[in-house]
Amino acid sequence: MNLAREPRWGRNIETPGEDPYMSGEYAEWYVKGMEQSPEDPYHIQASACCKHYVANSMDGTTAKNGEHHDRNHVDSTITMQDLVDSYMLPSVDVLLTSRASSNSLYTT
């Protein structure tokens, strides 16, 4: 459910794009596809767990001067509006509309 915010990020192909609404819709139907089966609507086929940090898409990078940044050592300042409107929307979407669980260790 990560957003494609940086075009140079090597994992953009794993995301549905940079649109929070589209990412939420994609995640919702991806989870439903894993959990539901038309042959057995009463049982979950696989339990999906949404486990990424909200607004934590950085794997790691090294600047030209050799300085290394990774998700454990970067200070990202995100406005409350951007957090709610962009980064939290896909997570809330999928958790409210499916039976996916959430690992509280990995949420904001």
PDB file of N, CA and C in Angstrom:
ATOM      1  N   MET A   1       0.810  -1.189   0.000  1.00  0.00           N
ATOM      2  CA  MET A   1       0.000   0.000   0.000  1.00  0.00           C
ATOM      3  C   MET A   1       0.858   1.259   0.000  1.00  0.00           C
ATOM      4  N   ASN A   2       2.105   1.095  -0.362  1.00  0.00           N
ATOM      5  CA  ASN A   2       2.959   2.267  -0.463  1.00  0.00           C
ATOM      6  C   ASN A   2       2.589   3.087  -1.683  1.00  0.00           C
ATOM      7  N   LEU A   3       2.763   4.381  -1.573  1.00  0.00           N
ATOM      8  CA  LEU A   3       2.542   5.274  -2.703  1.00  0.00           C
ATOM      9  C   LEU A   3       3.845   5.443  -3.472  1.00  0.00           C
ATOM     10  N   ALA A   4       3.750   5.567  -4.779  1.00  0.00           N
ATOM     11  CA  ALA A   4       4.926   5.820  -5.615  1.00  0.00           C
ATOM     12  C   ALA A   4       5.183   7.319  -5.595  1.00  0.00           C
ATOM     13  N   ARG A   5       5.964   7.782  -4.635  1.00  0.00           N
ATOM     14  CA  ARG A   5       6.213   9.213  -4.461  1.00  0.00           C
ATOM     15  C   ARG A   5       7.513   9.670  -5.098  1.00  0.00           C
ATOM     16  N   GLU A   6       8.445   8.764  -5.330  1.00  0.00           N
ATOM     17  CA  GLU A   6       9.767   9.111  -5.840  1.00  0.00           C
ATOM     18  C   GLU A   6      10.035   8.273  -7.089  1.00  0.00           C
ATOM     19  N   PRO A   7      10.133   8.905  -8.268  1.00  0.00           N
ATOM     20  CA  PRO A   7      10.288   8.138  -9.512  1.00  0.00           C
ATOM     21  C   PRO A   7      11.576   7.316  -9.576  1.00  0.00           C
ATOM     22  N   ARG A   8      12.571   7.661  -8.786  1.00  0.00           N
ATOM     23  CA  ARG A   8      13.834   6.902  -8.810  1.00  0.00           C
ATOM     24  C   ARG A   8      13.815   5.714  -7.860  1.00  0.00           C
ATOM     25  N   TRP A   9      12.747   5.569  -7.085  1.00  0.00           N
ATOM     26  CA  TRP A   9      12.634   4.467  -6.131  1.00  0.00           C
ATOM     27  C   TRP A   9      12.558   3.159  -6.900  1.00  0.00           C
ATOM     28  N   GLY A  10      13.378   2.209  -6.564  1.00  0.00           N
ATOM     29  CA  GLY A  10      13.476   0.963  -7.308  1.00  0.00           C
ATOM     30  C   GLY A  10      12.284   0.036  -7.197  1.00  0.00           C
ATOM     31  N   ARG A  11      11.346   0.307  -6.296  1.00  0.00           N
ATOM     32  CA  ARG A  11      10.219  -0.604  -6.108  1.00  0.00           C
ATOM     33  C   ARG A  11       8.892  -0.017  -6.574  1.00  0.00           C
ATOM     34  N   ASN A  12       8.936   1.004  -7.419  1.00  0.00           N
ATOM     35  CA  ASN A  12       7.694   1.613  -7.910  1.00  0.00           C
ATOM     36  C   ASN A  12       6.813   0.613  -8.648  1.00  0.00           C
ATOM     37  N   ILE A  13       7.412  -0.381  -9.266  1.00  0.00           N
ATOM     38  CA  ILE A  13       6.627  -1.366 -10.010  1.00  0.00           C
ATOM     39  C   ILE A  13       5.731  -2.191  -9.077  1.00  0.00           C
ATOM     40  N   GLU A  14       6.029  -2.192  -7.792  1.00  0.00           N
ATOM     41  CA  GLU A  14       5.236  -2.946  -6.817  1.00  0.00           C
ATOM     42  C   GLU A  14       4.037  -2.167  -6.300  1.00  0.00           C
ATOM     43  N   THR A  15       3.882  -0.928  -6.711  1.00  0.00           N
ATOM     44  CA  THR A  15       2.779  -0.104  -6.231  1.00  0.00           C
ATOM     45  C   THR A  15       1.799   0.179  -7.362  1.00  0.00           C
ATOM     46  N   PRO A  16       0.543   0.459  -7.024  1.00  0.00           N
ATOM     47  CA  PRO A  16      -0.416   0.812  -8.074  1.00  0.00           C
ATOM     48  C   PRO A  16      -0.244   2.241  -8.578  1.00  0.00           C
ATOM     49  N   GLY A  17       0.566   3.054  -7.916  1.00  0.00           N
ATOM     50  CA  GLY A  17       0.797   4.414  -8.396  1.00  0.00           C
ATOM     51  C   GLY A  17       0.898   5.407  -7.257  1.00  0.00           C
ATOM     52  N   GLU A  18       0.755   6.694  -7.604  1.00  0.00           N
ATOM     53  CA  GLU A  18       0.900   7.740  -6.597  1.00  0.00           C
ATOM     54  C   GLU A  18      -0.433   8.289  -6.106  1.00  0.00           C
ATOM     55  N   ASP A  19      -1.540   7.823  -6.655  1.00  0.00           N
ATOM     56  CA  ASP A  19      -2.866   8.294  -6.269  1.00  0.00           C
ATOM     57  C   ASP A  19      -3.342   7.529  -5.029  1.00  0.00           C
ATOM     58  N   PRO A  20      -3.574   8.219  -3.911  1.00  0.00           N
ATOM     59  CA  PRO A  20      -4.001   7.539  -2.683  1.00  0.00           C
ATOM     60  C   PRO A  20      -5.322   6.790  -2.837  1.00  0.00           C
ATOM     61  N   TYR A  21      -6.277   7.371  -3.560  1.00  0.00           N
ATOM     62  CA  TYR A  21      -7.562   6.700  -3.752  1.00  0.00           C
ATOM     63  C   TYR A  21      -7.366   5.401  -4.543  1.00  0.00           C
ATOM     64  N   MET A  22      -6.625   5.478  -5.634  1.00  0.00           N
ATOM     65  CA  MET A  22      -6.383   4.301  -6.466  1.00  0.00           C
ATOM     66  C   MET A  22      -5.612   3.230  -5.684  1.00  0.00           C
ATOM     67  N   SER A  23      -4.655   3.655  -4.875  1.00  0.00           N
ATOM     68  CA  SER A  23      -3.897   2.700  -4.066  1.00  0.00           C
ATOM     69  C   SER A  23      -4.804   2.004  -3.057  1.00  0.00           C
ATOM     70  N   GLY A  24      -5.733   2.752  -2.466  1.00  0.00           N
ATOM     71  CA  GLY A  24      -6.683   2.159  -1.529  1.00  0.00           C
ATOM     72  C   GLY A  24      -7.617   1.170  -2.208  1.00  0.00           C
ATOM     73  N   GLU A  25      -8.111   1.528  -3.398  1.00  0.00           N
ATOM     74  CA  GLU A  25      -8.974   0.612  -4.153  1.00  0.00           C
ATOM     75  C   GLU A  25      -8.216  -0.654  -4.542  1.00  0.00           C
ATOM     76  N   TYR A  26      -7.002  -0.474  -5.012  1.00  0.00           N
ATOM     77  CA  TYR A  26      -6.162  -1.607  -5.403  1.00  0.00           C
ATOM     78  C   TYR A  26      -5.930  -2.534  -4.206  1.00  0.00           C
ATOM     79  N   ALA A  27      -5.558  -1.948  -3.064  1.00  0.00           N
ATOM     80  CA  ALA A  27      -5.294  -2.747  -1.868  1.00  0.00           C
ATOM     81  C   ALA A  27      -6.551  -3.478  -1.405  1.00  0.00           C
ATOM     82  N   GLU A  28      -7.681  -2.789  -1.462  1.00  0.00           N
ATOM     83  CA  GLU A  28      -8.951  -3.412  -1.042  1.00  0.00           C
ATOM     84  C   GLU A  28      -9.248  -4.652  -1.881  1.00  0.00           C
ATOM     85  N   TRP A  29      -9.158  -4.538  -3.188  1.00  0.00           N
ATOM     86  CA  TRP A  29      -9.485  -5.665  -4.059  1.00  0.00           C
ATOM     87  C   TRP A  29      -8.388  -6.722  -4.053  1.00  0.00           C
ATOM     88  N   TYR A  30      -7.161  -6.336  -3.831  1.00  0.00           N
ATOM     89  CA  TYR A  30      -6.067  -7.298  -3.707  1.00  0.00           C
ATOM     90  C   TYR A  30      -6.302  -8.186  -2.485  1.00  0.00           C
ATOM     91  N   VAL A  31      -6.656  -7.561  -1.369  1.00  0.00           N
ATOM     92  CA  VAL A  31      -6.915  -8.307  -0.132  1.00  0.00           C
ATOM     93  C   VAL A  31      -8.157  -9.185  -0.293  1.00  0.00           C
ATOM     94  N   LYS A  32      -9.220  -8.631  -0.876  1.00  0.00           N
ATOM     95  CA  LYS A  32     -10.434  -9.429  -1.090  1.00  0.00           C
ATOM     96  C   LYS A  32     -10.144 -10.629  -1.990  1.00  0.00           C
ATOM     97  N   GLY A  33      -9.286 -10.449  -2.989  1.00  0.00           N
ATOM     98  CA  GLY A  33      -8.913 -11.555  -3.868  1.00  0.00           C
ATOM     99  C   GLY A  33      -8.173 -12.658  -3.135  1.00  0.00           C
ATOM    100  N   MET A  34      -7.395 -12.283  -2.137  1.00  0.00           N
ATOM    101  CA  MET A  34      -6.688 -13.284  -1.331  1.00  0.00           C
ATOM    102  C   MET A  34      -7.625 -13.972  -0.344  1.00  0.00           C
ATOM    103  N   GLU A  35      -8.535 -13.213   0.233  1.00  0.00           N
ATOM    104  CA  GLU A  35      -9.351 -13.733   1.328  1.00  0.00           C
ATOM    105  C   GLU A  35     -10.609 -14.468   0.887  1.00  0.00           C
ATOM    106  N   GLN A  36     -11.205 -14.049  -0.205  1.00  0.00           N
ATOM    107  CA  GLN A  36     -12.525 -14.563  -0.564  1.00  0.00           C
ATOM    108  C   GLN A  36     -12.458 -15.544  -1.729  1.00  0.00           C
ATOM    109  N   SER A  37     -13.401 -16.463  -1.715  1.00  0.00           N
ATOM    110  CA  SER A  37     -13.547 -17.428  -2.796  1.00  0.00           C
ATOM    111  C   SER A  37     -15.032 -17.602  -3.089  1.00  0.00           C
ATOM    112  N   PRO A  38     -15.448 -17.498  -4.349  1.00  0.00           N
ATOM    113  CA  PRO A  38     -16.869 -17.678  -4.676  1.00  0.00           C
ATOM    114  C   PRO A  38     -17.386 -19.064  -4.279  1.00  0.00           C
ATOM    115  N   GLU A  39     -16.498 -20.051  -4.264  1.00  0.00           N
ATOM    116  CA  GLU A  39     -16.910 -21.412  -3.910  1.00  0.00           C
ATOM    117  C   GLU A  39     -17.188 -21.573  -2.416  1.00  0.00           C
ATOM    118  N   ASP A  40     -16.590 -20.716  -1.584  1.00  0.00           N
ATOM    119  CA  ASP A  40     -16.758 -20.813  -0.133  1.00  0.00           C
ATOM    120  C   ASP A  40     -16.791 -19.406   0.475  1.00  0.00           C
ATOM    121  N   PRO A  41     -17.947 -18.739   0.408  1.00  0.00           N
ATOM    122  CA  PRO A  41     -18.022 -17.360   0.889  1.00  0.00           C
ATOM    123  C   PRO A  41     -18.008 -17.230   2.413  1.00  0.00           C
ATOM    124  N   TYR A  42     -18.028 -18.329   3.141  1.00  0.00           N
ATOM    125  CA  TYR A  42     -18.138 -18.271   4.602  1.00  0.00           C
ATOM    126  C   TYR A  42     -16.799 -18.354   5.328  1.00  0.00           C
ATOM    127  N   HIS A  43     -15.738 -18.671   4.606  1.00  0.00           N
ATOM    128  CA  HIS A  43     -14.434 -18.829   5.243  1.00  0.00           C
ATOM    129  C   HIS A  43     -13.387 -17.968   4.537  1.00  0.00           C
ATOM    130  N   ILE A  44     -12.459 -17.440   5.328  1.00  0.00           N
ATOM    131  CA  ILE A  44     -11.335 -16.691   4.760  1.00  0.00           C
ATOM    132  C   ILE A  44     -10.348 -17.702   4.180  1.00  0.00           C
ATOM    133  N   GLN A  45      -9.937 -17.488   2.951  1.00  0.00           N
ATOM    134  CA  GLN A  45      -9.018 -18.398   2.285  1.00  0.00           C
ATOM    135  C   GLN A  45      -7.571 -18.152   2.717  1.00  0.00           C
ATOM    136  N   ALA A  46      -7.210 -16.909   2.923  1.00  0.00           N
ATOM    137  CA  ALA A  46      -5.886 -16.520   3.415  1.00  0.00           C
ATOM    138  C   ALA A  46      -6.068 -15.227   4.192  1.00  0.00           C
ATOM    139  N   SER A  47      -5.407 -15.117   5.299  1.00  0.00           N
ATOM    140  CA  SER A  47      -5.550 -13.919   6.122  1.00  0.00           C
ATOM    141  C   SER A  47      -4.489 -12.891   5.730  1.00  0.00           C
ATOM    142  N   ALA A  48      -4.944 -11.765   5.220  1.00  0.00           N
ATOM    143  CA  ALA A  48      -4.021 -10.702   4.819  1.00  0.00           C
ATOM    144  C   ALA A  48      -3.710  -9.816   6.020  1.00  0.00           C
ATOM    145  N   CYS A  49      -2.471  -9.403   6.139  1.00  0.00           N
ATOM    146  CA  CYS A  49      -2.060  -8.508   7.220  1.00  0.00           C
ATOM    147  C   CYS A  49      -1.352  -7.307   6.618  1.00  0.00           C
ATOM    148  N   CYS A  50      -1.909  -6.140   6.814  1.00  0.00           N
ATOM    149  CA  CYS A  50      -1.319  -4.906   6.312  1.00  0.00           C
ATOM    150  C   CYS A  50      -0.293  -4.445   7.334  1.00  0.00           C
ATOM    151  N   LYS A  51       0.983  -4.458   6.960  1.00  0.00           N
ATOM    152  CA  LYS A  51       2.009  -4.302   7.977  1.00  0.00           C
ATOM    153  C   LYS A  51       3.019  -3.181   7.739  1.00  0.00           C
ATOM    154  N   HIS A  52       2.815  -2.340   6.776  1.00  0.00           N
ATOM    155  CA  HIS A  52       3.803  -1.284   6.524  1.00  0.00           C
ATOM    156  C   HIS A  52       3.552  -0.061   7.383  1.00  0.00           C
ATOM    157  N   TYR A  53       4.639   0.601   7.730  1.00  0.00           N
ATOM    158  CA  TYR A  53       4.515   1.903   8.385  1.00  0.00           C
ATOM    159  C   TYR A  53       3.806   2.859   7.440  1.00  0.00           C
ATOM    160  N   VAL A  54       2.963   3.698   7.957  1.00  0.00           N
ATOM    161  CA  VAL A  54       2.350   4.744   7.142  1.00  0.00           C
ATOM    162  C   VAL A  54       3.415   5.801   6.885  1.00  0.00           C
ATOM    163  N   ALA A  55       3.565   6.204   5.636  1.00  0.00           N
ATOM    164  CA  ALA A  55       4.523   7.244   5.216  1.00  0.00           C
ATOM    165  C   ALA A  55       5.971   6.829   5.429  1.00  0.00           C
ATOM    166  N   ASN A  56       6.243   5.547   5.354  1.00  0.00           N
ATOM    167  CA  ASN A  56       7.623   5.081   5.494  1.00  0.00           C
ATOM    168  C   ASN A  56       7.992   4.239   4.286  1.00  0.00           C
ATOM    169  N   SER A  57       8.273   4.881   3.182  1.00  0.00           N
ATOM    170  CA  SER A  57       8.545   4.185   1.935  1.00  0.00           C
ATOM    171  C   SER A  57      10.033   4.100   1.609  1.00  0.00           C
ATOM    172  N   MET A  58      10.871   4.591   2.469  1.00  0.00           N
ATOM    173  CA  MET A  58      12.293   4.669   2.155  1.00  0.00           C
ATOM    174  C   MET A  58      13.007   3.386   2.538  1.00  0.00           C
ATOM    175  N   ASP A  59      13.633   2.734   1.564  1.00  0.00           N
ATOM    176  CA  ASP A  59      14.432   1.547   1.858  1.00  0.00           C
ATOM    177  C   ASP A  59      15.844   1.929   2.251  1.00  0.00           C
ATOM    178  N   GLY A  60      16.462   2.764   1.459  1.00  0.00           N
ATOM    179  CA  GLY A  60      17.822   3.198   1.738  1.00  0.00           C
ATOM    180  C   GLY A  60      18.428   3.851   0.508  1.00  0.00           C
ATOM    181  N   THR A  61      19.291   4.808   0.735  1.00  0.00           N
ATOM    182  CA  THR A  61      19.950   5.494  -0.370  1.00  0.00           C
ATOM    183  C   THR A  61      21.267   6.071   0.136  1.00  0.00           C
ATOM    184  N   THR A  62      22.189   6.223  -0.785  1.00  0.00           N
ATOM    185  CA  THR A  62      23.467   6.837  -0.463  1.00  0.00           C
ATOM    186  C   THR A  62      23.643   8.066  -1.335  1.00  0.00           C
ATOM    187  N   ALA A  63      23.886   9.204  -0.703  1.00  0.00           N
ATOM    188  CA  ALA A  63      24.072  10.460  -1.426  1.00  0.00           C
ATOM    189  C   ALA A  63      25.436  10.464  -2.111  1.00  0.00           C
ATOM    190  N   LYS A  64      25.616  11.400  -3.035  1.00  0.00           N
ATOM    191  CA  LYS A  64      26.881  11.498  -3.775  1.00  0.00           C
ATOM    192  C   LYS A  64      28.078  11.719  -2.857  1.00  0.00           C
ATOM    193  N   ASN A  65      27.837  12.364  -1.723  1.00  0.00           N
ATOM    194  CA  ASN A  65      28.933  12.616  -0.793  1.00  0.00           C
ATOM    195  C   ASN A  65      29.219  11.408   0.107  1.00  0.00           C
ATOM    196  N   GLY A  66      28.530  10.290  -0.119  1.00  0.00           N
ATOM    197  CA  GLY A  66      28.746   9.070   0.647  1.00  0.00           C
ATOM    198  C   GLY A  66      27.862   8.931   1.874  1.00  0.00           C
ATOM    199  N   GLU A  67      27.073   9.953   2.162  1.00  0.00           N
ATOM    200  CA  GLU A  67      26.185   9.911   3.320  1.00  0.00           C
ATOM    201  C   GLU A  67      25.030   8.949   3.048  1.00  0.00           C
ATOM    202  N   HIS A  68      24.806   8.021   3.973  1.00  0.00           N
ATOM    203  CA  HIS A  68      23.766   7.003   3.794  1.00  0.00           C
ATOM    204  C   HIS A  68      22.520   7.372   4.599  1.00  0.00           C
ATOM    205  N   HIS A  69      21.370   7.197   3.985  1.00  0.00           N
ATOM    206  CA  HIS A  69      20.088   7.423   4.652  1.00  0.00           C
ATOM    207  C   HIS A  69      19.261   6.150   4.515  1.00  0.00           C
ATOM    208  N   ASP A  70      18.589   5.757   5.586  1.00  0.00           N
ATOM    209  CA  ASP A  70      17.657   4.631   5.512  1.00  0.00           C
ATOM    210  C   ASP A  70      16.460   4.924   6.411  1.00  0.00           C
ATOM    211  N   ARG A  71      15.495   4.026   6.419  1.00  0.00           N
ATOM    212  CA  ARG A  71      14.243   4.278   7.136  1.00  0.00           C
ATOM    213  C   ARG A  71      14.423   4.428   8.645  1.00  0.00           C
ATOM    214  N   ASN A  72      15.515   3.960   9.191  1.00  0.00           N
ATOM    215  CA  ASN A  72      15.743   4.080  10.625  1.00  0.00           C
ATOM    216  C   ASN A  72      16.505   5.342  11.013  1.00  0.00           C
ATOM    217  N   HIS A  73      17.037   6.030  10.020  1.00  0.00           N
ATOM    218  CA  HIS A  73      17.891   7.181  10.321  1.00  0.00           C
ATOM    219  C   HIS A  73      17.551   8.391   9.463  1.00  0.00           C
ATOM    220  N   VAL A  74      16.299   8.631   9.211  1.00  0.00           N
ATOM    221  CA  VAL A  74      15.889   9.790   8.430  1.00  0.00           C
ATOM    222  C   VAL A  74      14.760  10.496   9.186  1.00  0.00           C
ATOM    223  N   ASP A  75      14.753  11.795   9.116  1.00  0.00           N
ATOM    224  CA  ASP A  75      13.700  12.575   9.758  1.00  0.00           C
ATOM    225  C   ASP A  75      12.791  13.121   8.664  1.00  0.00           C
ATOM    226  N   SER A  76      11.669  12.495   8.464  1.00  0.00           N
ATOM    227  CA  SER A  76      10.713  12.925   7.446  1.00  0.00           C
ATOM    228  C   SER A  76       9.646  13.790   8.105  1.00  0.00           C
ATOM    229  N   THR A  77       9.519  15.000   7.641  1.00  0.00           N
ATOM    230  CA  THR A  77       8.505  15.903   8.159  1.00  0.00           C
ATOM    231  C   THR A  77       7.320  15.884   7.201  1.00  0.00           C
ATOM    232  N   ILE A  78       6.189  15.396   7.672  1.00  0.00           N
ATOM    233  CA  ILE A  78       4.989  15.264   6.852  1.00  0.00           C
ATOM    234  C   ILE A  78       3.877  16.053   7.522  1.00  0.00           C
ATOM    235  N   THR A  79       3.212  16.888   6.766  1.00  0.00           N
ATOM    236  CA  THR A  79       2.123  17.670   7.351  1.00  0.00           C
ATOM    237  C   THR A  79       0.959  16.741   7.695  1.00  0.00           C
ATOM    238  N   MET A  80       0.148  17.145   8.644  1.00  0.00           N
ATOM    239  CA  MET A  80      -1.012  16.350   9.042  1.00  0.00           C
ATOM    240  C   MET A  80      -1.958  16.147   7.861  1.00  0.00           C
ATOM    241  N   GLN A  81      -2.138  17.181   7.038  1.00  0.00           N
ATOM    242  CA  GLN A  81      -3.025  17.052   5.883  1.00  0.00           C
ATOM    243  C   GLN A  81      -2.494  16.011   4.900  1.00  0.00           C
ATOM    244  N   ASP A  82      -1.190  16.035   4.610  1.00  0.00           N
ATOM    245  CA  ASP A  82      -0.619  15.055   3.690  1.00  0.00           C
ATOM    246  C   ASP A  82      -0.670  13.653   4.289  1.00  0.00           C
ATOM    247  N   LEU A  83      -0.449  13.549   5.589  1.00  0.00           N
ATOM    248  CA  LEU A  83      -0.519  12.253   6.259  1.00  0.00           C
ATOM    249  C   LEU A  83      -1.916  11.649   6.130  1.00  0.00           C
ATOM    250  N   VAL A  84      -2.942  12.444   6.425  1.00  0.00           N
ATOM    251  CA  VAL A  84      -4.319  11.949   6.395  1.00  0.00           C
ATOM    252  C   VAL A  84      -4.817  11.771   4.957  1.00  0.00           C
ATOM    253  N   ASP A  85      -4.595  12.763   4.113  1.00  0.00           N
ATOM    254  CA  ASP A  85      -5.138  12.724   2.748  1.00  0.00           C
ATOM    255  C   ASP A  85      -4.386  11.780   1.818  1.00  0.00           C
ATOM    256  N   SER A  86      -3.106  11.606   2.034  1.00  0.00           N
ATOM    257  CA  SER A  86      -2.306  10.806   1.103  1.00  0.00           C
ATOM    258  C   SER A  86      -1.884   9.460   1.672  1.00  0.00           C
ATOM    259  N   TYR A  87      -1.197   9.482   2.785  1.00  0.00           N
ATOM    260  CA  TYR A  87      -0.558   8.262   3.259  1.00  0.00           C
ATOM    261  C   TYR A  87      -1.484   7.326   4.026  1.00  0.00           C
ATOM    262  N   MET A  88      -2.422   7.851   4.801  1.00  0.00           N
ATOM    263  CA  MET A  88      -3.290   6.981   5.595  1.00  0.00           C
ATOM    264  C   MET A  88      -4.499   6.473   4.814  1.00  0.00           C
ATOM    265  N   LEU A  89      -4.901   7.167   3.767  1.00  0.00           N
ATOM    266  CA  LEU A  89      -6.097   6.798   3.015  1.00  0.00           C
ATOM    267  C   LEU A  89      -6.078   5.350   2.517  1.00  0.00           C
ATOM    268  N   PRO A  90      -5.014   4.869   1.873  1.00  0.00           N
ATOM    269  CA  PRO A  90      -5.034   3.474   1.424  1.00  0.00           C
ATOM    270  C   PRO A  90      -5.156   2.471   2.567  1.00  0.00           C
ATOM    271  N   SER A  91      -4.493   2.732   3.687  1.00  0.00           N
ATOM    272  CA  SER A  91      -4.551   1.808   4.827  1.00  0.00           C
ATOM    273  C   SER A  91      -5.941   1.756   5.424  1.00  0.00           C
ATOM    274  N   VAL A  92      -6.542   2.902   5.632  1.00  0.00           N
ATOM    275  CA  VAL A  92      -7.879   2.958   6.212  1.00  0.00           C
ATOM    276  C   VAL A  92      -8.882   2.306   5.273  1.00  0.00           C
ATOM    277  N   ASP A  93      -8.754   2.584   3.989  1.00  0.00           N
ATOM    278  CA  ASP A  93      -9.641   1.983   2.981  1.00  0.00           C
ATOM    279  C   ASP A  93      -9.680   0.468   3.090  1.00  0.00           C
ATOM    280  N   VAL A  94      -8.531  -0.147   3.062  1.00  0.00           N
ATOM    281  CA  VAL A  94      -8.490  -1.603   3.045  1.00  0.00           C
ATOM    282  C   VAL A  94      -8.918  -2.196   4.381  1.00  0.00           C
ATOM    283  N   LEU A  95      -8.618  -1.549   5.482  1.00  0.00           N
ATOM    284  CA  LEU A  95      -9.002  -2.095   6.781  1.00  0.00           C
ATOM    285  C   LEU A  95     -10.505  -1.970   7.046  1.00  0.00           C
ATOM    286  N   LEU A  96     -11.138  -0.954   6.493  1.00  0.00           N
ATOM    287  CA  LEU A  96     -12.577  -0.768   6.705  1.00  0.00           C
ATOM    288  C   LEU A  96     -13.439  -1.607   5.774  1.00  0.00           C
ATOM    289  N   THR A  97     -12.913  -2.003   4.635  1.00  0.00           N
ATOM    290  CA  THR A  97     -13.752  -2.673   3.632  1.00  0.00           C
ATOM    291  C   THR A  97     -13.418  -4.145   3.428  1.00  0.00           C
ATOM    292  N   SER A  98     -12.473  -4.678   4.171  1.00  0.00           N
ATOM    293  CA  SER A  98     -12.149  -6.093   4.031  1.00  0.00           C
ATOM    294  C   SER A  98     -11.986  -6.698   5.412  1.00  0.00           C
ATOM    295  N   ARG A  99     -11.564  -7.932   5.454  1.00  0.00           N
ATOM    296  CA  ARG A  99     -11.335  -8.587   6.735  1.00  0.00           C
ATOM    297  C   ARG A  99      -9.846  -8.621   7.082  1.00  0.00           C
ATOM    298  N   ALA A 100      -9.084  -7.774   6.439  1.00  0.00           N
ATOM    299  CA  ALA A 100      -7.641  -7.757   6.682  1.00  0.00           C
ATOM    300  C   ALA A 100      -7.352  -7.362   8.119  1.00  0.00           C
ATOM    301  N   SER A 101      -6.293  -7.923   8.641  1.00  0.00           N
ATOM    302  CA  SER A 101      -5.864  -7.539   9.981  1.00  0.00           C
ATOM    303  C   SER A 101      -4.784  -6.481   9.853  1.00  0.00           C
ATOM    304  N   SER A 102      -4.454  -5.883  10.961  1.00  0.00           N
ATOM    305  CA  SER A 102      -3.396  -4.885  10.976  1.00  0.00           C
ATOM    306  C   SER A 102      -2.478  -5.182  12.128  1.00  0.00           C
ATOM    307  N   ASN A 103      -1.191  -5.145  11.879  1.00  0.00           N
ATOM    308  CA  ASN A 103      -0.209  -5.346  12.919  1.00  0.00           C
ATOM    309  C   ASN A 103       0.082  -3.976  13.518  1.00  0.00           C
ATOM    310  N   SER A 104      -0.339  -3.736  14.740  1.00  0.00           N
ATOM    311  CA  SER A 104      -0.217  -2.406  15.335  1.00  0.00           C
ATOM    312  C   SER A 104       1.233  -1.989  15.506  1.00  0.00           C
ATOM    313  N   LEU A 105       2.146  -2.918  15.505  1.00  0.00           N
ATOM    314  CA  LEU A 105       3.558  -2.589  15.601  1.00  0.00           C
ATOM    315  C   LEU A 105       4.006  -1.764  14.397  1.00  0.00           C
ATOM    316  N   TYR A 106       3.372  -1.953  13.251  1.00  0.00           N
ATOM    317  CA  TYR A 106       3.813  -1.317  12.039  1.00  0.00           C
ATOM    318  C   TYR A 106       2.949  -0.141  11.594  1.00  0.00           C
ATOM    319  N   THR A 107       1.951   0.257  12.348  1.00  0.00           N
ATOM    320  CA  THR A 107       1.121   1.398  11.965  1.00  0.00           C
ATOM    321  C   THR A 107       1.564   2.625  12.738  1.00  0.00           C
ATOM    322  N   THR A 108       1.061   3.802  12.328  1.00  0.00           N
ATOM    323  CA  THR A 108       1.508   5.016  13.011  1.00  0.00           C
ATOM    324  C   THR A 108       0.878   5.159  14.367  1.00  0.00           C
TER     325      THR A 108
END
